N, C-alpha and C. Protein backbone atom coordinates (compact mmCIF):
# COMPACT_ATOMS: atom_id res chain seq x y z
N MET A 1 -6.30 4.21 -27.14
CA MET A 1 -7.69 4.31 -26.45
C MET A 1 -8.46 2.70 -26.64
N LEU A 2 -8.25 2.28 -27.56
CA LEU A 2 -9.00 1.09 -27.99
C LEU A 2 -8.39 -0.06 -26.79
N ILE A 3 -7.51 -0.10 -26.56
CA ILE A 3 -6.75 -1.34 -25.86
C ILE A 3 -7.28 -0.96 -24.27
N PHE A 4 -7.49 0.29 -23.96
CA PHE A 4 -8.02 0.68 -22.53
C PHE A 4 -9.65 0.17 -22.63
N LEU A 5 -10.20 0.45 -23.77
CA LEU A 5 -11.52 0.01 -23.73
C LEU A 5 -11.64 -1.64 -23.41
N GLY A 6 -10.68 -2.36 -24.34
CA GLY A 6 -10.77 -3.68 -24.23
C GLY A 6 -10.54 -4.18 -22.71
N ILE A 7 -9.50 -3.48 -22.11
CA ILE A 7 -9.16 -3.94 -20.77
C ILE A 7 -10.53 -3.69 -19.80
N PHE A 8 -11.20 -2.52 -20.13
CA PHE A 8 -12.41 -2.25 -19.36
C PHE A 8 -13.33 -3.31 -19.75
N LEU A 9 -13.43 -3.76 -20.64
CA LEU A 9 -14.75 -4.57 -20.97
C LEU A 9 -14.28 -6.16 -20.70
N LEU A 10 -13.11 -6.37 -20.56
CA LEU A 10 -12.49 -7.66 -20.12
C LEU A 10 -12.73 -7.48 -18.48
N CYS A 11 -12.45 -6.62 -17.86
CA CYS A 11 -12.66 -6.32 -16.51
C CYS A 11 -14.26 -6.53 -15.90
N ALA A 12 -14.89 -5.90 -16.91
CA ALA A 12 -16.41 -5.80 -16.68
C ALA A 12 -16.94 -7.35 -16.67
N SER A 13 -16.57 -8.12 -17.85
CA SER A 13 -16.89 -9.55 -17.84
C SER A 13 -16.54 -10.13 -16.68
N VAL A 14 -15.28 -10.08 -16.13
CA VAL A 14 -14.93 -10.87 -15.15
C VAL A 14 -15.72 -10.51 -13.81
N CYS A 15 -16.17 -9.13 -13.72
CA CYS A 15 -16.96 -8.59 -12.47
C CYS A 15 -18.40 -9.27 -12.59
N LEU A 16 -18.98 -9.44 -13.80
CA LEU A 16 -20.20 -10.09 -14.07
C LEU A 16 -20.31 -11.48 -13.60
N VAL A 17 -19.22 -12.25 -13.96
CA VAL A 17 -19.14 -13.65 -13.57
C VAL A 17 -18.78 -13.73 -11.99
N GLU A 18 -17.84 -12.94 -11.25
CA GLU A 18 -17.30 -13.19 -10.16
C GLU A 18 -18.26 -12.44 -8.96
N ILE A 19 -19.06 -11.58 -9.19
CA ILE A 19 -19.64 -10.65 -8.29
C ILE A 19 -20.84 -11.45 -7.55
N PRO A 20 -21.63 -12.30 -8.46
CA PRO A 20 -22.65 -13.04 -8.03
C PRO A 20 -22.33 -14.47 -6.85
N TYR A 21 -20.91 -14.80 -7.46
CA TYR A 21 -20.50 -15.75 -6.38
C TYR A 21 -20.08 -15.21 -4.83
N LEU A 22 -19.43 -14.01 -5.57
CA LEU A 22 -18.93 -13.04 -3.83
C LEU A 22 -20.04 -12.88 -3.03
N LYS A 23 -21.33 -12.48 -3.78
CA LYS A 23 -22.45 -12.10 -2.93
C LYS A 23 -23.10 -13.34 -2.01
N LYS A 24 -22.76 -14.51 -2.86
CA LYS A 24 -23.22 -15.74 -2.17
C LYS A 24 -22.35 -16.11 -0.83
N VAL A 25 -21.13 -15.97 -1.23
CA VAL A 25 -20.05 -16.42 -0.23
C VAL A 25 -19.87 -15.11 0.84
N ASN A 26 -20.22 -15.30 2.06
CA ASN A 26 -20.27 -14.10 3.05
C ASN A 26 -18.71 -14.31 3.94
N ASN A 27 -17.73 -14.42 2.96
CA ASN A 27 -16.36 -14.63 3.50
C ASN A 27 -15.74 -13.08 3.13
N LYS A 28 -15.60 -12.29 4.18
CA LYS A 28 -15.07 -10.77 3.93
C LYS A 28 -13.57 -11.07 3.56
N LYS A 29 -12.66 -12.28 4.23
CA LYS A 29 -11.40 -12.15 3.77
C LYS A 29 -11.36 -12.48 2.29
N GLU A 30 -12.03 -13.43 1.80
CA GLU A 30 -12.03 -13.78 0.33
C GLU A 30 -12.33 -12.60 -0.63
N LYS A 31 -13.46 -11.68 -0.24
CA LYS A 31 -13.74 -10.62 -0.98
C LYS A 31 -12.88 -9.62 -1.11
N ARG A 32 -12.04 -9.53 0.23
CA ARG A 32 -10.97 -8.33 0.37
C ARG A 32 -9.64 -8.89 -0.58
N ILE A 33 -9.44 -9.96 -0.35
CA ILE A 33 -8.24 -10.47 -1.33
C ILE A 33 -8.62 -10.56 -2.85
N PHE A 34 -9.71 -10.87 -3.18
CA PHE A 34 -10.20 -10.83 -4.46
C PHE A 34 -10.22 -9.22 -5.20
N TRP A 35 -10.74 -8.69 -4.14
CA TRP A 35 -10.71 -7.14 -5.01
C TRP A 35 -9.40 -6.39 -4.89
N SER A 36 -8.56 -6.74 -3.90
CA SER A 36 -7.40 -6.23 -3.98
C SER A 36 -6.47 -6.82 -5.09
N LEU A 37 -6.28 -7.82 -5.34
CA LEU A 37 -5.62 -8.49 -6.24
C LEU A 37 -6.19 -8.18 -7.90
N PHE A 38 -7.60 -8.01 -7.83
CA PHE A 38 -8.27 -7.58 -9.18
C PHE A 38 -7.85 -6.27 -9.23
N THR A 39 -7.54 -5.39 -8.53
CA THR A 39 -7.12 -4.13 -8.49
C THR A 39 -5.98 -3.79 -9.22
N VAL A 40 -4.99 -4.73 -8.40
CA VAL A 40 -3.65 -4.71 -8.58
C VAL A 40 -3.50 -4.92 -10.06
N SER A 41 -4.14 -5.96 -10.47
CA SER A 41 -3.84 -6.62 -11.91
C SER A 41 -4.37 -5.63 -12.77
N ILE A 42 -5.61 -4.82 -12.49
CA ILE A 42 -6.23 -3.77 -13.38
C ILE A 42 -5.05 -2.64 -13.77
N LEU A 43 -4.51 -2.45 -12.48
CA LEU A 43 -3.65 -1.05 -12.62
C LEU A 43 -2.15 -1.76 -13.45
N ILE A 44 -1.58 -2.99 -13.04
CA ILE A 44 -0.31 -3.27 -14.01
C ILE A 44 -0.71 -3.43 -15.29
N VAL A 45 -1.88 -4.23 -15.69
CA VAL A 45 -2.19 -4.41 -17.18
C VAL A 45 -2.26 -2.89 -17.81
N SER A 46 -3.07 -2.05 -17.28
CA SER A 46 -3.05 -0.61 -17.93
C SER A 46 -1.81 0.16 -18.06
N LEU A 47 -0.78 0.17 -16.76
CA LEU A 47 0.34 0.68 -17.03
C LEU A 47 1.04 0.29 -17.95
N LYS A 48 1.25 -1.21 -18.34
CA LYS A 48 1.95 -1.70 -19.21
C LYS A 48 1.48 -1.30 -20.51
N TYR A 49 0.11 -1.43 -20.84
CA TYR A 49 -0.31 -1.02 -22.11
C TYR A 49 -0.41 0.53 -22.11
N GLY A 50 -0.08 1.18 -21.32
CA GLY A 50 -0.11 2.51 -21.45
C GLY A 50 1.34 3.01 -21.70
N GLY A 51 2.55 2.07 -21.90
CA GLY A 51 3.70 2.63 -22.00
C GLY A 51 4.70 2.67 -20.98
N VAL A 52 4.10 2.41 -19.87
CA VAL A 52 4.91 2.52 -18.35
C VAL A 52 5.96 0.96 -18.52
N GLU A 53 7.03 1.42 -18.31
CA GLU A 53 7.78 0.07 -18.33
C GLU A 53 7.74 -0.51 -16.80
N ILE A 54 7.34 -1.60 -16.77
CA ILE A 54 7.05 -2.40 -15.49
C ILE A 54 8.27 -3.23 -15.01
N PRO A 55 9.13 -3.11 -14.04
CA PRO A 55 10.30 -3.90 -13.92
C PRO A 55 10.00 -5.50 -13.80
N ASN A 56 10.70 -6.40 -14.17
CA ASN A 56 10.57 -7.89 -13.65
C ASN A 56 10.57 -8.12 -12.24
N PRO A 57 9.52 -8.88 -11.84
CA PRO A 57 9.78 -9.26 -10.06
C PRO A 57 11.09 -10.02 -9.87
N GLY A 58 11.64 -10.82 -10.95
CA GLY A 58 12.88 -11.66 -10.49
C GLY A 58 14.07 -10.54 -10.73
N ASP A 59 14.12 -9.38 -10.96
CA ASP A 59 15.18 -8.49 -10.53
C ASP A 59 15.07 -8.13 -9.51
N GLY A 60 14.03 -7.86 -8.72
CA GLY A 60 13.91 -7.57 -7.34
C GLY A 60 14.12 -8.44 -6.34
N ILE A 61 14.04 -9.67 -6.82
CA ILE A 61 14.32 -10.68 -5.84
C ILE A 61 15.71 -10.99 -5.84
N ALA A 62 16.36 -11.05 -7.09
CA ALA A 62 17.69 -10.96 -7.11
C ALA A 62 18.58 -9.91 -6.36
N PHE A 63 17.78 -8.73 -6.35
CA PHE A 63 18.31 -7.69 -5.48
C PHE A 63 18.38 -7.94 -4.21
N LEU A 64 17.42 -8.17 -3.47
CA LEU A 64 17.22 -8.55 -2.30
C LEU A 64 18.16 -9.79 -1.61
N LEU A 65 18.26 -10.70 -2.67
CA LEU A 65 19.06 -12.03 -2.26
C LEU A 65 20.44 -11.87 -2.59
N LYS A 66 20.95 -10.82 -3.38
CA LYS A 66 22.37 -10.69 -3.65
C LYS A 66 23.11 -10.41 -2.40
N PRO A 67 23.03 -9.89 -1.40
CA PRO A 67 23.93 -9.91 -0.44
C PRO A 67 24.07 -11.36 0.48
N PHE A 68 22.97 -12.08 0.64
CA PHE A 68 22.88 -13.41 1.19
C PHE A 68 23.86 -14.40 0.22
N SER A 69 23.38 -14.24 -0.91
CA SER A 69 24.46 -15.00 -1.72
C SER A 69 25.99 -14.89 -1.97
N ASP A 70 26.23 -13.62 -1.83
CA ASP A 70 27.66 -13.02 -1.60
C ASP A 70 28.38 -13.70 -0.25
N PHE A 71 27.47 -13.56 0.83
CA PHE A 71 27.89 -14.00 2.06
C PHE A 71 28.06 -15.29 1.79
N LEU A 72 27.15 -16.30 1.25
CA LEU A 72 27.53 -17.67 1.23
C LEU A 72 28.66 -18.08 0.45
N PHE A 73 29.07 -17.10 -0.67
CA PHE A 73 29.97 -17.49 -1.61
C PHE A 73 31.37 -17.26 -0.90
N SER A 74 31.37 -16.16 -0.08
CA SER A 74 32.65 -15.76 0.64
C SER A 74 32.89 -17.00 1.78
N LEU A 75 32.00 -17.71 2.34
CA LEU A 75 32.23 -18.75 3.15
C LEU A 75 32.84 -19.87 2.31
N LEU A 76 32.15 -19.91 1.01
CA LEU A 76 32.80 -21.32 0.38
C LEU A 76 34.20 -21.06 -0.26
N LYS A 77 34.84 -19.68 -0.12
CA LYS A 77 36.09 -19.66 -0.74
C LYS A 77 37.03 -20.10 0.26
């Protein structure tokens, strides 16, 4: 529970720093990207410290590119 309180305090401090800047800038695209990345990062950190095993992104990339690499290696044989 203490870890989640720390995460919340860290997120609140980031919001205190970033919200005034985002209010000055009237770029909706930048605001949307910031809030979506901020939300995803909070979710991932909370899940990781909550005990949920988060897969490595490299494993997903290797899984997607495996058929392509197999095809290239078959051409080289």
